[in-house]
């Protein structure tokens, strides 16, 4: 009998099973692959400071990072990509790399660096989900990590000010959204009639941007002009995360 699997992640809000992109990637993939996991949100626990999420626990094994978790699930014969051709598998890797390089920095900037969004949405949300006194520490720690990841992804030294990179960050992200929209076309999923790991990654990256009530976001405005991508997010929420889902 297979060991029970537990998934630790940030909890849900805004009509999403999790507000955290990486957690959303894994949650979506477990749905697509039929994996039976018990979800444990870290909200209101000390793990808001100490844990790295998402984290999949299976017996004595703990796996972190979405790509590693998806690889682990595939080894358990929970593979949403089993019908993909070699070419489609290569395209999947290329598009996921594109998301990481071109879209993630803009998402991090939107939620964690943009002063208006951070003050009015991101900081209050994560503070409200962290126990005292961590509510004073968790948001600023995440913001510092986000800024470091942006600089690392863009290959810039800390001597560069983030304001010098903002134009490039957002132009790259809009280009990435345009490419995704063109590739998806009028289909529900990127490859055929069933969702795969690429759909999980795109959903995880786009859904928070689509659903969050951001006071300031040109990138969100651009996404909402690409109706096939917003429909893509809504379709996955409807089909796989209905109102009876405990964390939706």
C-alpha atoms as a PDB file:
ATOM      1  CA  UNK A   1       0.000   0.000   0.000  1.00  0.00           C
ATOM      2  CA  UNK A   2       1.409   3.379  -1.001  1.00  0.00           C
ATOM      3  CA  UNK A   3       2.294   5.805   1.761  1.00  0.00           C
ATOM      4  CA  UNK A   4      -0.110   8.675   2.330  1.00  0.00           C
ATOM      5  CA  UNK A   5       1.007  11.981   0.866  1.00  0.00           C
ATOM      6  CA  UNK A   6       0.713  15.347   2.582  1.00  0.00           C
ATOM      7  CA  UNK A   7       1.193  18.732   0.916  1.00  0.00           C
ATOM      8  CA  UNK A   8       2.170  21.784   2.927  1.00  0.00           C
ATOM      9  CA  UNK A   9       1.424  25.082   1.253  1.00  0.00           C
ATOM     10  CA  UNK A  10       0.046  28.575   1.761  1.00  0.00           C
ATOM     11  CA  UNK A  11      -3.729  28.639   2.068  1.00  0.00           C
ATOM     12  CA  UNK A  12      -6.324  30.018  -0.284  1.00  0.00           C
ATOM     13  CA  UNK A  13      -8.143  33.285  -0.864  1.00  0.00           C
ATOM     14  CA  UNK A  14      -9.345  35.423  -3.797  1.00  0.00           C
ATOM     15  CA  UNK A  15     -11.261  32.392  -5.095  1.00  0.00           C
ATOM     16  CA  UNK A  16      -8.042  30.355  -5.344  1.00  0.00           C
ATOM     17  CA  UNK A  17      -7.017  27.168  -3.494  1.00  0.00           C
ATOM     18  CA  UNK A  18      -3.736  28.958  -2.675  1.00  0.00           C
ATOM     19  CA  UNK A  19      -2.530  32.503  -3.270  1.00  0.00           C
ATOM     20  CA  UNK A  20       1.038  31.209  -3.658  1.00  0.00           C
ATOM     21  CA  UNK A  21       2.144  30.471  -7.230  1.00  0.00           C
ATOM     22  CA  UNK A  22       4.430  27.525  -6.492  1.00  0.00           C
ATOM     23  CA  UNK A  23       1.805  25.957  -4.248  1.00  0.00           C
ATOM     24  CA  UNK A  24      -0.790  26.419  -6.989  1.00  0.00           C
ATOM     25  CA  UNK A  25       1.430  24.642  -9.513  1.00  0.00           C
ATOM     26  CA  UNK A  26       1.595  21.551  -7.322  1.00  0.00           C
ATOM     27  CA  UNK A  27      -2.069  21.660  -6.289  1.00  0.00           C
ATOM     28  CA  UNK A  28      -3.104  21.808  -9.946  1.00  0.00           C
ATOM     29  CA  UNK A  29      -0.795  18.972 -10.950  1.00  0.00           C
ATOM     30  CA  UNK A  30      -2.120  16.716  -8.188  1.00  0.00           C
ATOM     31  CA  UNK A  31      -5.592  17.292  -9.599  1.00  0.00           C
ATOM     32  CA  UNK A  32      -4.493  16.674 -13.178  1.00  0.00           C
ATOM     33  CA  UNK A  33      -2.608  13.479 -12.333  1.00  0.00           C
ATOM     34  CA  UNK A  34      -5.151  12.062  -9.890  1.00  0.00           C
ATOM     35  CA  UNK A  35      -2.737  12.150  -6.967  1.00  0.00           C
ATOM     36  CA  UNK A  36      -4.403  11.732  -3.592  1.00  0.00           C
ATOM     37  CA  UNK A  37      -2.855  14.249  -1.230  1.00  0.00           C
ATOM     38  CA  UNK A  38      -3.965  15.733   2.063  1.00  0.00           C
ATOM     39  CA  UNK A  39      -3.424  19.489   2.042  1.00  0.00           C
ATOM     40  CA  UNK A  40      -2.106  21.196   5.172  1.00  0.00           C
ATOM     41  CA  UNK A  41      -1.978  25.002   4.890  1.00  0.00           C
ATOM     42  CA  UNK A  42       0.815  26.538   6.944  1.00  0.00           C
ATOM     43  CA  UNK A  43      -1.319  29.607   7.698  1.00  0.00           C
ATOM     44  CA  UNK A  44      -1.360  30.711  11.347  1.00  0.00           C
ATOM     45  CA  UNK A  45       1.504  28.354  12.269  1.00  0.00           C
ATOM     46  CA  UNK A  46       5.188  28.919  12.989  1.00  0.00           C
ATOM     47  CA  UNK A  47       5.911  27.279   9.638  1.00  0.00           C
ATOM     48  CA  UNK A  48       4.995  30.600   7.999  1.00  0.00           C
ATOM     49  CA  UNK A  49       8.540  31.610   8.927  1.00  0.00           C
ATOM     50  CA  UNK A  50      10.431  28.310   9.013  1.00  0.00           C
ATOM     51  CA  UNK A  51       8.946  26.216   6.196  1.00  0.00           C
ATOM     52  CA  UNK A  52       9.790  26.196   2.506  1.00  0.00           C
ATOM     53  CA  UNK A  53       6.590  25.569   0.601  1.00  0.00           C
ATOM     54  CA  UNK A  54       5.250  23.780  -1.248  1.00  0.00           C
ATOM     55  CA  UNK A  55       6.559  20.655   0.465  1.00  0.00           C
ATOM     56  CA  UNK A  56       5.320  17.137  -0.241  1.00  0.00           C
ATOM     57  CA  UNK A  57       5.654  14.600   2.557  1.00  0.00           C
ATOM     58  CA  UNK A  58       5.430  10.909   1.696  1.00  0.00           C
ATOM     59  CA  UNK A  59       6.525   8.539   4.435  1.00  0.00           C
ATOM     60  CA  UNK A  60      10.091   9.486   5.362  1.00  0.00           C
ATOM     61  CA  UNK A  61      10.573  11.500   2.157  1.00  0.00           C
ATOM     62  CA  UNK A  62      10.173  15.280   1.979  1.00  0.00           C
ATOM     63  CA  UNK A  63      10.290  16.932  -1.454  1.00  0.00           C
ATOM     64  CA  UNK A  64      10.398  20.678  -2.119  1.00  0.00           C
ATOM     65  CA  UNK A  65      10.215  22.876  -5.232  1.00  0.00           C
ATOM     66  CA  UNK A  66       7.439  22.299  -7.808  1.00  0.00           C
ATOM     67  CA  UNK A  67       9.662  20.677 -10.439  1.00  0.00           C
ATOM     68  CA  UNK A  68      11.063  18.194  -7.916  1.00  0.00           C
ATOM     69  CA  UNK A  69       7.614  17.417  -6.512  1.00  0.00           C
ATOM     70  CA  UNK A  70       6.225  16.801 -10.001  1.00  0.00           C
ATOM     71  CA  UNK A  71       9.162  14.494 -10.784  1.00  0.00           C
ATOM     72  CA  UNK A  72       8.504  12.584  -7.551  1.00  0.00           C
ATOM     73  CA  UNK A  73       4.828  12.171  -8.436  1.00  0.00           C
ATOM     74  CA  UNK A  74       5.714  10.924 -11.920  1.00  0.00           C
ATOM     75  CA  UNK A  75       7.889   8.223 -10.333  1.00  0.00           C
ATOM     76  CA  UNK A  76       4.800   7.159  -8.374  1.00  0.00           C
ATOM     77  CA  UNK A  77       3.042   6.682 -11.745  1.00  0.00           C
ATOM     78  CA  UNK A  78       1.085   9.871 -11.235  1.00  0.00           C
ATOM     79  CA  UNK A  79       1.970  11.366 -14.599  1.00  0.00           C
ATOM     80  CA  UNK A  80      -0.196  13.984 -16.306  1.00  0.00           C
ATOM     81  CA  UNK A  81       2.307  14.066 -19.208  1.00  0.00           C
ATOM     82  CA  UNK A  82       2.229  10.400 -20.226  1.00  0.00           C
ATOM     83  CA  UNK A  83       0.474  11.077 -23.543  1.00  0.00           C
ATOM     84  CA  UNK A  84       2.870  13.817 -24.655  1.00  0.00           C
ATOM     85  CA  UNK A  85       5.138  13.247 -27.634  1.00  0.00           C
ATOM     86  CA  UNK A  86       8.880  13.867 -27.376  1.00  0.00           C
ATOM     87  CA  UNK A  87       8.385  17.191 -29.170  1.00  0.00           C
ATOM     88  CA  UNK A  88       5.638  18.227 -26.761  1.00  0.00           C
ATOM     89  CA  UNK A  89       7.827  17.238 -23.822  1.00  0.00           C
ATOM     90  CA  UNK A  90      10.604  19.457 -25.158  1.00  0.00           C
ATOM     91  CA  UNK A  91       8.129  22.308 -25.689  1.00  0.00           C
ATOM     92  CA  UNK A  92       6.944  21.883 -22.099  1.00  0.00           C
ATOM     93  CA  UNK A  93      10.471  22.324 -20.763  1.00  0.00           C
ATOM     94  CA  UNK A  94      11.040  25.363 -22.987  1.00  0.00           C
ATOM     95  CA  UNK A  95       7.837  27.112 -21.931  1.00  0.00           C
ATOM     96  CA  UNK A  96       8.424  26.437 -18.235  1.00  0.00           C
ATOM     97  CA  UNK A  97      11.910  27.930 -18.600  1.00  0.00           C
ATOM     98  CA  UNK A  98      10.310  30.931 -20.330  1.00  0.00           C
ATOM     99  CA  UNK A  99       7.904  31.380 -17.409  1.00  0.00           C
ATOM    100  CA  UNK A 100      10.737  31.274 -14.917  1.00  0.00           C
ATOM    101  CA  UNK A 101      12.934  33.710 -16.824  1.00  0.00           C
ATOM    102  CA  UNK A 102      10.426  36.181 -18.251  1.00  0.00           C
ATOM    103  CA  UNK A 103       7.263  36.095 -16.138  1.00  0.00           C
ATOM    104  CA  UNK A 104       8.295  35.226 -12.586  1.00  0.00           C
ATOM    105  CA  UNK A 105      10.396  38.391 -12.009  1.00  0.00           C
ATOM    106  CA  UNK A 106       7.432  40.584 -12.958  1.00  0.00           C
ATOM    107  CA  UNK A 107       5.081  38.621 -10.703  1.00  0.00           C
ATOM    108  CA  UNK A 108       7.499  38.940  -7.787  1.00  0.00           C
ATOM    109  CA  UNK A 109       7.814  42.644  -8.476  1.00  0.00           C
ATOM    110  CA  UNK A 110       4.046  43.101  -8.765  1.00  0.00           C
ATOM    111  CA  UNK A 111       3.232  41.481  -5.433  1.00  0.00           C
ATOM    112  CA  UNK A 112       6.340  42.113  -3.319  1.00  0.00           C
ATOM    113  CA  UNK A 113       8.258  45.142  -4.655  1.00  0.00           C
ATOM    114  CA  UNK A 114       5.582  47.477  -6.006  1.00  0.00           C
ATOM    115  CA  UNK A 115       5.020  49.741  -2.996  1.00  0.00           C
ATOM    116  CA  UNK A 116       1.274  50.222  -3.444  1.00  0.00           C
ATOM    117  CA  UNK A 117       0.489  46.541  -3.958  1.00  0.00           C
ATOM    118  CA  UNK A 118       2.744  45.478  -1.099  1.00  0.00           C
ATOM    119  CA  UNK A 119       1.274  47.980   1.370  1.00  0.00           C
ATOM    120  CA  UNK A 120      -2.367  47.422   0.474  1.00  0.00           C
ATOM    121  CA  UNK A 121      -2.581  43.738  -0.465  1.00  0.00           C
ATOM    122  CA  UNK A 122       0.458  41.516  -0.076  1.00  0.00           C
ATOM    123  CA  UNK A 123       1.786  42.610   3.314  1.00  0.00           C
ATOM    124  CA  UNK A 124      -1.632  42.709   5.045  1.00  0.00           C
ATOM    125  CA  UNK A 125      -2.585  39.286   3.660  1.00  0.00           C
ATOM    126  CA  UNK A 126       0.571  37.459   4.723  1.00  0.00           C
ATOM    127  CA  UNK A 127       0.657  39.285   8.059  1.00  0.00           C
ATOM    128  CA  UNK A 128      -2.933  38.243   8.747  1.00  0.00           C
ATOM    129  CA  UNK A 129      -2.041  34.605   8.061  1.00  0.00           C
ATOM    130  CA  UNK A 130       0.998  34.586  10.373  1.00  0.00           C
ATOM    131  CA  UNK A 131       0.829  34.213  14.173  1.00  0.00           C
ATOM    132  CA  UNK A 132       2.091  36.950  16.483  1.00  0.00           C
ATOM    133  CA  UNK A 133       4.908  38.009  16.495  1.00  0.00           C
ATOM    134  CA  UNK A 134       5.722  36.491  13.088  1.00  0.00           C
ATOM    135  CA  UNK A 135       3.196  38.786  11.450  1.00  0.00           C
ATOM    136  CA  UNK A 136       5.832  41.520  11.781  1.00  0.00           C
ATOM    137  CA  UNK A 137       8.564  39.369  10.224  1.00  0.00           C
ATOM    138  CA  UNK A 138       7.090  37.132   7.523  1.00  0.00           C
ATOM    139  CA  UNK A 139       6.045  39.751   4.926  1.00  0.00           C
ATOM    140  CA  UNK A 140       9.327  41.659   4.984  1.00  0.00           C
ATOM    141  CA  UNK A 141      11.306  38.441   4.767  1.00  0.00           C
ATOM    142  CA  UNK A 142       9.342  37.339   1.705  1.00  0.00           C
ATOM    143  CA  UNK A 143       9.791  40.775   0.157  1.00  0.00           C
ATOM    144  CA  UNK A 144      13.575  40.596   0.620  1.00  0.00           C
ATOM    145  CA  UNK A 145      13.690  37.111  -0.890  1.00  0.00           C
ATOM    146  CA  UNK A 146      11.571  38.267  -3.846  1.00  0.00           C
ATOM    147  CA  UNK A 147      13.878  41.189  -4.560  1.00  0.00           C
ATOM    148  CA  UNK A 148      16.929  38.921  -4.411  1.00  0.00           C
ATOM    149  CA  UNK A 149      15.321  36.434  -6.808  1.00  0.00           C
ATOM    150  CA  UNK A 150      14.513  39.184  -9.284  1.00  0.00           C
ATOM    151  CA  UNK A 151      18.095  40.433  -9.295  1.00  0.00           C
ATOM    152  CA  UNK A 152      19.448  36.895  -9.573  1.00  0.00           C
ATOM    153  CA  UNK A 153      17.132  35.974 -12.468  1.00  0.00           C
ATOM    154  CA  UNK A 154      18.036  39.131 -14.332  1.00  0.00           C
ATOM    155  CA  UNK A 155      21.736  38.549 -13.704  1.00  0.00           C
ATOM    156  CA  UNK A 156      22.183  41.910 -12.043  1.00  0.00           C
ATOM    157  CA  UNK A 157      24.335  42.776  -9.066  1.00  0.00           C
ATOM    158  CA  UNK A 158      22.810  44.353  -5.951  1.00  0.00           C
ATOM    159  CA  UNK A 159      24.486  47.609  -7.012  1.00  0.00           C
ATOM    160  CA  UNK A 160      21.778  48.014  -9.633  1.00  0.00           C
ATOM    161  CA  UNK A 161      18.634  49.625  -8.352  1.00  0.00           C
ATOM    162  CA  UNK A 162      15.428  47.735  -9.045  1.00  0.00           C
ATOM    163  CA  UNK A 163      13.922  50.846 -10.635  1.00  0.00           C
ATOM    164  CA  UNK A 164      16.540  50.591 -13.371  1.00  0.00           C
ATOM    165  CA  UNK A 165      15.217  47.142 -14.306  1.00  0.00           C
ATOM    166  CA  UNK A 166      11.463  47.665 -14.061  1.00  0.00           C
ATOM    167  CA  UNK A 167      10.907  48.550 -17.722  1.00  0.00           C
ATOM    168  CA  UNK A 168      12.720  45.433 -18.929  1.00  0.00           C
ATOM    169  CA  UNK A 169      11.027  43.216 -16.341  1.00  0.00           C
ATOM    170  CA  UNK A 170       7.538  44.204 -17.435  1.00  0.00           C
ATOM    171  CA  UNK A 171       8.210  44.249 -21.177  1.00  0.00           C
ATOM    172  CA  UNK A 172       9.595  40.699 -20.910  1.00  0.00           C
ATOM    173  CA  UNK A 173       6.556  39.591 -18.929  1.00  0.00           C
ATOM    174  CA  UNK A 174       4.074  41.060 -21.413  1.00  0.00           C
ATOM    175  CA  UNK A 175       5.927  39.379 -24.263  1.00  0.00           C
ATOM    176  CA  UNK A 176       5.726  36.084 -22.360  1.00  0.00           C
ATOM    177  CA  UNK A 177       1.962  36.487 -21.848  1.00  0.00           C
ATOM    178  CA  UNK A 178       1.521  37.221 -25.552  1.00  0.00           C
ATOM    179  CA  UNK A 179       3.440  34.064 -26.482  1.00  0.00           C
ATOM    180  CA  UNK A 180       1.371  31.955 -24.091  1.00  0.00           C
ATOM    181  CA  UNK A 181      -1.848  33.404 -25.476  1.00  0.00           C
ATOM    182  CA  UNK A 182      -0.757  32.682 -29.053  1.00  0.00           C
ATOM    183  CA  UNK A 183       0.280  29.114 -28.157  1.00  0.00           C
ATOM    184  CA  UNK A 184      -2.978  28.362 -26.310  1.00  0.00           C
ATOM    185  CA  UNK A 185      -5.201  29.773 -29.054  1.00  0.00           C
ATOM    186  CA  UNK A 186      -8.818  28.713 -28.633  1.00  0.00           C
ATOM    187  CA  UNK A 187      -8.044  25.483 -26.766  1.00  0.00           C
ATOM    188  CA  UNK A 188      -8.782  24.801 -23.102  1.00  0.00           C
ATOM    189  CA  UNK A 189      -5.309  23.328 -22.509  1.00  0.00           C
ATOM    190  CA  UNK A 190      -1.904  23.613 -24.142  1.00  0.00           C
ATOM    191  CA  UNK A 191      -1.670  20.022 -25.409  1.00  0.00           C
ATOM    192  CA  UNK A 192      -4.870  18.288 -26.418  1.00  0.00           C
ATOM    193  CA  UNK A 193      -7.962  17.720 -24.340  1.00  0.00           C
ATOM    194  CA  UNK A 194      -6.299  17.042 -20.980  1.00  0.00           C
ATOM    195  CA  UNK A 195      -4.141  19.314 -18.818  1.00  0.00           C
ATOM    196  CA  UNK A 196      -0.447  18.550 -18.323  1.00  0.00           C
ATOM    197  CA  UNK A 197       2.423  19.897 -16.253  1.00  0.00           C
ATOM    198  CA  UNK A 198       2.685  22.951 -18.521  1.00  0.00           C
ATOM    199  CA  UNK A 199      -0.935  23.792 -17.751  1.00  0.00           C
ATOM    200  CA  UNK A 200      -0.149  23.440 -14.042  1.00  0.00           C
ATOM    201  CA  UNK A 201       2.768  25.868 -14.267  1.00  0.00           C
ATOM    202  CA  UNK A 202       0.895  28.417 -16.375  1.00  0.00           C
ATOM    203  CA  UNK A 203      -2.115  28.237 -14.060  1.00  0.00           C
ATOM    204  CA  UNK A 204       0.068  28.630 -10.972  1.00  0.00           C
ATOM    205  CA  UNK A 205       1.762  31.694 -12.399  1.00  0.00           C
ATOM    206  CA  UNK A 206      -1.294  33.384 -13.902  1.00  0.00           C
ATOM    207  CA  UNK A 207      -4.141  32.678 -11.484  1.00  0.00           C
ATOM    208  CA  UNK A 208      -2.980  34.963  -8.626  1.00  0.00           C
ATOM    209  CA  UNK A 209      -2.338  37.776 -11.097  1.00  0.00           C
ATOM    210  CA  UNK A 210      -5.786  37.214 -12.582  1.00  0.00           C
ATOM    211  CA  UNK A 211      -7.707  37.007  -9.297  1.00  0.00           C
ATOM    212  CA  UNK A 212      -5.942  39.378  -6.875  1.00  0.00           C
ATOM    213  CA  UNK A 213      -7.447  42.813  -6.204  1.00  0.00           C
ATOM    214  CA  UNK A 214      -4.288  44.709  -7.049  1.00  0.00           C
ATOM    215  CA  UNK A 215      -4.480  48.509  -6.693  1.00  0.00           C
ATOM    216  CA  UNK A 216      -1.629  48.966  -9.185  1.00  0.00           C
ATOM    217  CA  UNK A 217      -0.789  46.517 -11.955  1.00  0.00           C
ATOM    218  CA  UNK A 218      -0.221  47.213 -15.657  1.00  0.00           C
ATOM    219  CA  UNK A 219       0.644  43.518 -15.984  1.00  0.00           C
ATOM    220  CA  UNK A 220      -2.748  42.486 -14.627  1.00  0.00           C
ATOM    221  CA  UNK A 221      -4.400  44.868 -17.082  1.00  0.00           C
ATOM    222  CA  UNK A 222      -2.429  43.277 -19.920  1.00  0.00           C
ATOM    223  CA  UNK A 223      -3.428  39.767 -18.821  1.00  0.00           C
ATOM    224  CA  UNK A 224      -7.099  40.725 -18.737  1.00  0.00           C
ATOM    225  CA  UNK A 225      -6.856  41.809 -22.379  1.00  0.00           C
ATOM    226  CA  UNK A 226      -5.819  38.232 -23.267  1.00  0.00           C
ATOM    227  CA  UNK A 227      -9.202  36.641 -22.769  1.00  0.00           C
ATOM    228  CA  UNK A 228      -8.119  33.112 -23.657  1.00  0.00           C
ATOM    229  CA  UNK A 229      -5.636  33.130 -20.752  1.00  0.00           C
ATOM    230  CA  UNK A 230      -8.188  34.395 -18.230  1.00  0.00           C
ATOM    231  CA  UNK A 231     -10.665  31.791 -19.539  1.00  0.00           C
ATOM    232  CA  UNK A 232      -7.924  29.171 -19.137  1.00  0.00           C
ATOM    233  CA  UNK A 233      -7.600  30.067 -15.428  1.00  0.00           C
ATOM    234  CA  UNK A 234     -11.347  30.158 -14.842  1.00  0.00           C
ATOM    235  CA  UNK A 235     -11.851  26.821 -16.611  1.00  0.00           C
ATOM    236  CA  UNK A 236      -9.303  25.047 -14.410  1.00  0.00           C
ATOM    237  CA  UNK A 237     -10.836  26.567 -11.283  1.00  0.00           C
ATOM    238  CA  UNK A 238     -14.297  25.421 -12.367  1.00  0.00           C
ATOM    239  CA  UNK A 239     -13.336  21.914 -13.459  1.00  0.00           C
ATOM    240  CA  UNK A 240     -10.755  21.027 -10.803  1.00  0.00           C
ATOM    241  CA  UNK A 241     -11.343  23.388  -7.863  1.00  0.00           C
ATOM    242  CA  UNK A 242     -15.077  23.711  -7.424  1.00  0.00           C
ATOM    243  CA  UNK A 243     -16.805  25.410  -4.492  1.00  0.00           C
ATOM    244  CA  UNK A 244     -16.756  22.183  -2.476  1.00  0.00           C
ATOM    245  CA  UNK A 245     -12.951  22.140  -2.455  1.00  0.00           C
ATOM    246  CA  UNK A 246     -11.881  22.798   1.176  1.00  0.00           C
ATOM    247  CA  UNK A 247      -9.180  25.273   0.213  1.00  0.00           C
ATOM    248  CA  UNK A 248     -10.829  26.951  -2.762  1.00  0.00           C
END
